[in-house]
C-alpha atoms as a PDB file:
ATOM      1  CA  MET A   1      22.219  89.146  -8.525  1.00  0.00           C
ATOM      2  CA  GLU A   2      18.856  87.888  -7.416  1.00  0.00           C
ATOM      3  CA  HIS A   3      18.898  86.206  -4.063  1.00  0.00           C
ATOM      4  CA  SER A   4      16.236  84.116  -2.484  1.00  0.00           C
ATOM      5  CA  TYR A   5      15.829  85.192   1.105  1.00  0.00           C
ATOM      6  CA  SER A   6      14.456  82.689   3.540  1.00  0.00           C
ATOM      7  CA  ASN A   7      13.700  85.074   6.395  1.00  0.00           C
ATOM      8  CA  LEU A   8      13.235  88.749   7.206  1.00  0.00           C
ATOM      9  CA  GLY A   9      16.721  89.156   8.726  1.00  0.00           C
ATOM     10  CA  GLU A  10      18.466  88.120   5.490  1.00  0.00           C
ATOM     11  CA  LEU A  11      16.288  90.527   3.517  1.00  0.00           C
ATOM     12  CA  GLN A  12      17.125  93.428   5.833  1.00  0.00           C
ATOM     13  CA  ALA A  13      20.851  92.552   5.649  1.00  0.00           C
ATOM     14  CA  GLY A  14      20.650  92.533   1.839  1.00  0.00           C
ATOM     15  CA  ILE A  15      18.919  95.931   1.868  1.00  0.00           C
ATOM     16  CA  ALA A  16      21.581  97.332   4.194  1.00  0.00           C
ATOM     17  CA  ALA A  17      24.365  95.979   1.944  1.00  0.00           C
ATOM     18  CA  LEU A  18      22.763  97.573  -1.108  1.00  0.00           C
ATOM     19  CA  SER A  19      22.354 100.928   0.652  1.00  0.00           C
ATOM     20  CA  ILE A  20      26.043 100.861   1.654  1.00  0.00           C
ATOM     21  CA  LYS A  21      27.018 100.052  -1.941  1.00  0.00           C
ATOM     22  CA  LYS A  22      24.782 102.902  -3.166  1.00  0.00           C
ATOM     23  CA  PHE A  23      26.412 105.335  -0.716  1.00  0.00           C
ATOM     24  CA  GLU A  24      29.940 104.289  -1.850  1.00  0.00           C
ATOM     25  CA  GLN A  25      29.005 104.774  -5.519  1.00  0.00           C
ATOM     26  CA  GLU A  26      27.500 108.201  -4.800  1.00  0.00           C
ATOM     27  CA  GLU A  27      30.693 109.270  -3.022  1.00  0.00           C
ATOM     28  CA  ALA A  28      32.802 108.053  -5.956  1.00  0.00           C
ATOM     29  CA  ILE A  29      30.673 110.077  -8.375  1.00  0.00           C
ATOM     30  CA  LYS A  30      30.870 113.168  -6.130  1.00  0.00           C
ATOM     31  CA  ASN A  31      34.670 112.846  -6.072  1.00  0.00           C
ATOM     32  CA  CYS A  32      34.721 112.756  -9.872  1.00  0.00           C
ATOM     33  CA  PHE A  33      32.908 116.118 -10.020  1.00  0.00           C
ATOM     34  CA  LYS A  34      34.293 117.821  -6.921  1.00  0.00           C
ATOM     35  CA  GLY A  35      36.222 120.646  -8.615  1.00  0.00           C
ATOM     36  CA  PRO A  36      37.145 121.929 -12.083  1.00  0.00           C
ATOM     37  CA  LYS A  37      40.275 119.796 -12.235  1.00  0.00           C
ATOM     38  CA  ALA A  38      38.350 116.661 -11.276  1.00  0.00           C
ATOM     39  CA  ILE A  39      35.685 117.438 -13.870  1.00  0.00           C
ATOM     40  CA  PHE A  40      38.331 117.958 -16.572  1.00  0.00           C
ATOM     41  CA  ASN A  41      40.095 114.706 -15.638  1.00  0.00           C
ATOM     42  CA  THR A  42      36.796 112.827 -15.696  1.00  0.00           C
ATOM     43  CA  VAL A  43      35.868 114.187 -19.128  1.00  0.00           C
ATOM     44  CA  ALA A  44      39.393 113.631 -20.472  1.00  0.00           C
ATOM     45  CA  SER A  45      39.352 110.036 -19.260  1.00  0.00           C
ATOM     46  CA  LEU A  46      36.353 109.414 -21.507  1.00  0.00           C
ATOM     47  CA  PHE A  47      38.490 110.197 -24.547  1.00  0.00           C
ATOM     48  CA  LYS A  48      41.395 107.909 -23.671  1.00  0.00           C
ATOM     49  CA  SER A  49      41.811 104.962 -25.961  1.00  0.00           C
ATOM     50  CA  LYS A  50      41.715 101.550 -24.323  1.00  0.00           C
ATOM     51  CA  ASN A  51      44.752 100.010 -26.001  1.00  0.00           C
ATOM     52  CA  ASP A  52      47.291 102.700 -25.119  1.00  0.00           C
ATOM     53  CA  SER A  53      47.638 105.756 -22.934  1.00  0.00           C
ATOM     54  CA  LYS A  54      47.193 108.337 -25.715  1.00  0.00           C
ATOM     55  CA  SER A  55      44.196 110.537 -25.152  1.00  0.00           C
ATOM     56  CA  PHE A  56      41.947 112.031 -27.777  1.00  0.00           C
ATOM     57  CA  LEU A  57      43.185 115.535 -26.950  1.00  0.00           C
ATOM     58  CA  SER A  58      46.871 114.635 -27.284  1.00  0.00           C
ATOM     59  CA  GLU A  59      46.100 112.896 -30.566  1.00  0.00           C
ATOM     60  CA  LEU A  60      44.431 116.083 -31.857  1.00  0.00           C
ATOM     61  CA  MET A  61      47.386 118.236 -30.827  1.00  0.00           C
ATOM     62  CA  ASN A  62      49.954 115.996 -32.514  1.00  0.00           C
ATOM     63  CA  GLN A  63      48.334 116.098 -35.960  1.00  0.00           C
ATOM     64  CA  ASP A  64      49.674 118.214 -38.763  1.00  0.00           C
ATOM     65  CA  MET A  65      47.752 121.176 -40.120  1.00  0.00           C
ATOM     66  CA  ILE A  66      46.421 119.397 -43.231  1.00  0.00           C
ATOM     67  CA  THR A  67      44.830 116.661 -41.108  1.00  0.00           C
ATOM     68  CA  GLY A  68      43.237 119.211 -38.808  1.00  0.00           C
ATOM     69  CA  ILE A  69      41.802 121.176 -41.701  1.00  0.00           C
ATOM     70  CA  SER A  70      40.499 118.038 -43.421  1.00  0.00           C
ATOM     71  CA  ARG A  71      38.757 116.947 -40.212  1.00  0.00           C
ATOM     72  CA  VAL A  72      36.687 120.132 -40.394  1.00  0.00           C
ATOM     73  CA  ILE A  73      36.348 120.739 -44.140  1.00  0.00           C
ATOM     74  CA  LEU A  74      35.586 117.181 -45.317  1.00  0.00           C
ATOM     75  CA  PRO A  75      32.419 116.638 -43.214  1.00  0.00           C
ATOM     76  CA  ALA A  76      31.230 120.174 -43.905  1.00  0.00           C
ATOM     77  CA  ILE A  77      31.549 119.773 -47.678  1.00  0.00           C
ATOM     78  CA  LEU A  78      29.913 116.337 -47.659  1.00  0.00           C
ATOM     79  CA  ASN A  79      26.986 117.503 -45.537  1.00  0.00           C
ATOM     80  CA  MET A  80      26.463 120.767 -47.435  1.00  0.00           C
ATOM     81  CA  PHE A  81      26.705 119.508 -50.999  1.00  0.00           C
ATOM     82  CA  VAL A  82      26.503 115.717 -51.256  1.00  0.00           C
ATOM     83  CA  PHE A  83      24.005 114.950 -48.468  1.00  0.00           C
ATOM     84  CA  LYS A  84      22.154 118.256 -48.582  1.00  0.00           C
ATOM     85  CA  LYS A  85      18.615 117.002 -48.003  1.00  0.00           C
ATOM     86  CA  SER A  86      19.403 114.002 -45.821  1.00  0.00           C
ATOM     87  CA  ASN A  87      18.250 113.559 -42.252  1.00  0.00           C
ATOM     88  CA  PHE A  88      20.186 114.058 -39.012  1.00  0.00           C
ATOM     89  CA  ILE A  89      21.193 110.415 -38.597  1.00  0.00           C
ATOM     90  CA  THR A  90      22.679 110.214 -42.085  1.00  0.00           C
ATOM     91  CA  LYS A  91      24.601 113.438 -41.558  1.00  0.00           C
ATOM     92  CA  ALA A  92      25.907 112.196 -38.209  1.00  0.00           C
ATOM     93  CA  ILE A  93      27.091 108.924 -39.762  1.00  0.00           C
ATOM     94  CA  VAL A  94      28.748 110.785 -42.645  1.00  0.00           C
ATOM     95  CA  THR A  95      30.465 113.126 -40.192  1.00  0.00           C
ATOM     96  CA  PHE A  96      31.721 110.207 -38.105  1.00  0.00           C
ATOM     97  CA  LEU A  97      33.045 108.298 -41.116  1.00  0.00           C
ATOM     98  CA  SER A  98      34.669 111.359 -42.656  1.00  0.00           C
ATOM     99  CA  GLN A  99      36.386 112.107 -39.329  1.00  0.00           C
ATOM    100  CA  LYS A 100      37.840 108.598 -39.385  1.00  0.00           C
ATOM    101  CA  ALA A 101      38.898 109.015 -43.010  1.00  0.00           C
ATOM    102  CA  ALA A 102      40.465 112.405 -42.306  1.00  0.00           C
ATOM    103  CA  LYS A 103      42.967 110.762 -39.951  1.00  0.00           C
ATOM    104  CA  ASN A 104      44.580 109.194 -43.019  1.00  0.00           C
ATOM    105  CA  ILE A 105      45.011 112.530 -44.782  1.00  0.00           C
ATOM    106  CA  ASP A 106      48.302 114.173 -43.884  1.00  0.00           C
ATOM    107  CA  SER A 107      50.810 116.532 -45.464  1.00  0.00           C
ATOM    108  CA  ASN A 108      52.705 113.650 -47.123  1.00  0.00           C
ATOM    109  CA  LEU A 109      49.599 112.463 -48.937  1.00  0.00           C
ATOM    110  CA  PHE A 110      48.754 116.026 -49.943  1.00  0.00           C
ATOM    111  CA  SER A 111      52.273 116.656 -51.314  1.00  0.00           C
ATOM    112  CA  ASN A 112      52.215 113.337 -53.207  1.00  0.00           C
ATOM    113  CA  ILE A 113      48.935 114.274 -54.875  1.00  0.00           C
ATOM    114  CA  THR A 114      50.204 117.719 -55.854  1.00  0.00           C
ATOM    115  CA  ASP A 115      53.411 116.174 -57.258  1.00  0.00           C
ATOM    116  CA  LYS A 116      51.376 113.766 -59.390  1.00  0.00           C
ATOM    117  CA  ILE A 117      49.211 116.598 -60.694  1.00  0.00           C
ATOM    118  CA  LYS A 118      52.312 118.642 -61.458  1.00  0.00           C
ATOM    119  CA  ASP A 119      53.850 115.722 -63.386  1.00  0.00           C
ATOM    120  CA  VAL A 120      50.682 115.243 -65.451  1.00  0.00           C
ATOM    121  CA  VAL A 121      50.474 118.942 -66.252  1.00  0.00           C
ATOM    122  CA  SER A 122      54.151 119.100 -67.229  1.00  0.00           C
ATOM    123  CA  LYS A 123      53.714 116.154 -69.631  1.00  0.00           C
ATOM    124  CA  ILE A 124      50.951 117.958 -71.489  1.00  0.00           C
ATOM    125  CA  LYS A 125      52.532 120.080 -74.206  1.00  0.00           C
ATOM    126  CA  LEU A 126      50.614 123.170 -75.084  1.00  0.00           C
ATOM    127  CA  PRO A 127      51.269 124.960 -78.366  1.00  0.00           C
ATOM    128  CA  HIS A 128      53.356 128.076 -77.862  1.00  0.00           C
ATOM    129  CA  LYS A 129      51.607 131.291 -78.689  1.00  0.00           C
ATOM    130  CA  THR A 130      53.319 133.667 -81.036  1.00  0.00           C
ATOM    131  CA  SER A 131      54.214 137.060 -79.714  1.00  0.00           C
ATOM    132  CA  HIS A 132      51.786 139.880 -80.387  1.00  0.00           C
ATOM    133  CA  GLN A 133      54.445 142.307 -81.550  1.00  0.00           C
ATOM    134  CA  PRO A 134      53.798 143.824 -84.950  1.00  0.00           C
ATOM    135  CA  GLN A 135      55.995 142.380 -87.628  1.00  0.00           C
ATOM    136  CA  ILE A 136      58.570 144.757 -89.066  1.00  0.00           C
ATOM    137  CA  ARG A 137      58.823 144.515 -92.822  1.00  0.00           C
ATOM    138  CA  ASP A 138      62.334 144.241 -94.077  1.00  0.00           C
ATOM    139  CA  TYR A 139      62.867 146.137 -97.318  1.00  0.00           C
ATOM    140  CA  GLY A 140      66.583 145.419 -97.419  1.00  0.00           C
ATOM    141  CA  ILE A 141      67.606 148.865 -96.157  1.00  0.00           C
ATOM    142  CA  PRO A 142      69.678 148.741 -92.993  1.00  0.00           C
ATOM    143  CA  PRO A 143      68.225 150.823 -90.159  1.00  0.00           C
ATOM    144  CA  ASP A 144      71.428 152.839 -89.639  1.00  0.00           C
ATOM    145  CA  SER A 145      71.665 154.000 -93.238  1.00  0.00           C
ATOM    146  CA  GLU A 146      71.084 157.587 -94.392  1.00  0.00           C
ATOM    147  CA  THR A 147      68.017 156.677 -96.362  1.00  0.00           C
ATOM    148  CA  TYR A 148      66.165 155.469 -93.412  1.00  0.00           C
END
């Protein structure tokens, strides 16, 4: 964008063009933050993905409950227990990566895991415990007899 100006008139025209461009950009920025609705639309447009029209907020609202919980719990557990004494940058990277991984966790995956655990537990045969009732000794006398 560098121009070589041969005289003072061209330089002044270039300065005037840049000041007009600056004024237009300032007005565009003011329009983006004119009212609460404009501010919300500006902030929401930052979260829109580039390949489709789904926004970050609509993506959050359309997730199931397990995914939402895992997006909060997974980074918290990793940062509290696994990376307890790490620095801010490491914790931020772990949080970012666990947020991306949490998108893959949904109720179907959770139910599949619980079904597998249930199958493994059902295959394990535990010895049956005997009842703790006291044994009645049988002396050969029927209980309804007169000698009882």
